[in-house]
Protein backbone atom coordinates (compact mmCIF):
# COMPACT_ATOMS: atom_id res chain seq x y z
CA MET A 1 -29.47 42.70 -2.46
CA PHE A 2 -28.05 41.80 -5.89
CA ARG A 3 -28.48 38.13 -5.07
CA THR A 4 -32.15 38.70 -4.16
CA ALA A 5 -32.80 40.56 -7.42
CA LEU A 6 -31.05 37.81 -9.36
CA ALA A 7 -33.14 35.16 -7.62
CA ALA A 8 -36.34 37.04 -8.43
CA ALA A 9 -35.34 37.37 -12.08
CA ALA A 10 -34.52 33.69 -12.35
CA LEU A 11 -37.77 32.67 -10.69
CA ALA A 12 -39.65 34.83 -13.19
CA LEU A 13 -37.93 32.89 -15.97
CA LEU A 14 -38.82 29.57 -14.37
CA ALA A 15 -42.49 30.34 -13.74
CA PRO A 16 -43.84 29.88 -17.29
CA ALA A 17 -41.85 26.71 -17.94
CA ALA A 18 -41.86 24.98 -14.59
CA ALA A 19 -41.62 21.52 -16.15
CA SER A 20 -38.65 22.29 -18.40
CA ALA A 21 -35.06 23.13 -17.61
CA VAL A 22 -33.57 26.61 -17.84
CA THR A 23 -29.96 27.26 -18.85
CA PHE A 24 -27.70 28.75 -16.21
CA TYR A 25 -23.99 29.46 -16.01
CA VAL A 26 -22.05 28.96 -12.80
CA VAL A 27 -19.50 31.76 -12.70
CA THR A 28 -18.51 32.33 -9.08
CA PRO A 29 -15.56 30.10 -8.15
CA GLY A 30 -14.39 29.68 -4.58
CA ILE A 31 -17.77 29.90 -2.85
CA ALA A 32 -17.20 28.99 0.79
CA GLN A 33 -20.85 28.28 1.53
CA ALA A 34 -22.03 24.69 1.48
CA GLN A 35 -25.24 22.75 1.40
CA PRO A 36 -25.42 19.17 2.70
CA THR A 37 -25.91 17.87 -0.86
CA VAL A 38 -22.97 19.74 -2.38
CA ASN A 39 -20.08 17.48 -3.30
CA SER A 40 -16.80 19.44 -3.31
CA GLU A 41 -15.51 17.72 -6.45
CA GLN A 42 -18.72 18.46 -8.33
CA LEU A 43 -18.76 22.02 -6.99
CA TYR A 44 -15.24 22.57 -8.36
CA ARG A 45 -16.33 21.39 -11.82
CA PHE A 46 -19.43 23.56 -11.86
CA ASN A 47 -17.52 26.63 -10.66
CA ALA A 48 -15.55 26.73 -13.92
CA CYS A 49 -18.26 28.65 -15.80
CA MET A 50 -19.93 25.51 -17.03
CA ARG A 51 -23.29 25.50 -18.77
CA ILE A 52 -25.84 23.52 -16.78
CA GLU A 53 -29.56 22.83 -16.90
CA ALA A 54 -31.46 23.45 -13.67
CA PHE A 55 -35.06 22.88 -12.67
CA GLN A 56 -35.41 25.06 -9.57
CA MET A 57 -33.68 27.97 -7.86
CA VAL A 58 -34.09 29.00 -4.23
CA ASP A 59 -32.29 32.06 -2.81
CA GLY A 60 -29.48 31.89 -5.36
CA TRP A 61 -29.05 28.10 -5.18
CA LEU A 62 -29.77 25.96 -8.26
CA LEU A 63 -31.23 22.47 -8.03
CA VAL A 64 -29.36 20.38 -10.58
CA GLU A 65 -30.31 16.82 -11.50
CA LEU A 66 -27.23 14.59 -11.65
CA GLU A 67 -26.82 10.87 -12.32
CA GLY A 68 -26.09 10.24 -8.64
CA GLY A 69 -29.01 12.36 -7.44
CA ASP A 70 -29.99 16.00 -7.11
CA ALA A 71 -27.57 18.63 -5.81
CA TRP A 72 -27.65 22.37 -5.04
CA TYR A 73 -25.06 24.73 -6.54
CA PRO A 74 -24.35 28.39 -5.65
CA GLY A 75 -23.00 31.42 -7.49
CA ILE A 76 -25.05 31.67 -10.65
CA TRP A 77 -25.57 34.04 -13.53
CA VAL A 78 -28.68 33.50 -15.63
CA SER A 79 -28.54 33.58 -19.41
CA THR A 80 -31.21 32.41 -21.81
CA GLU A 81 -30.06 34.63 -24.67
CA THR A 82 -26.34 33.92 -25.07
CA GLY A 83 -24.23 30.83 -25.27
CA HIS A 84 -21.26 32.37 -23.52
CA CYS A 85 -20.08 33.02 -20.00
CA PRO A 86 -19.21 36.63 -19.08
CA ASN A 87 -15.48 35.89 -19.47
CA GLY A 88 -16.01 34.78 -23.07
CA THR A 89 -15.69 31.03 -22.58
CA HIS A 90 -18.37 28.53 -23.56
């Protein structure tokens, strides 16, 4: 239920600026779920509360544009007001 509410909130943020990126923070390490496009090495890097820019979110998964192609990443917390992760890191 929390995930659904989070997805709805993020989609509301994306609606007015569909062409521009929105800042997200990946803060849930150790997610066991996988999408076919998720690279485990990249997933490890993004699970360290790293600031990323994403262009789309579907059911709690962020579409992130990378040099090697697009990828989906789970476990997000949305922040457009602060420059910090919940644990205090950048």
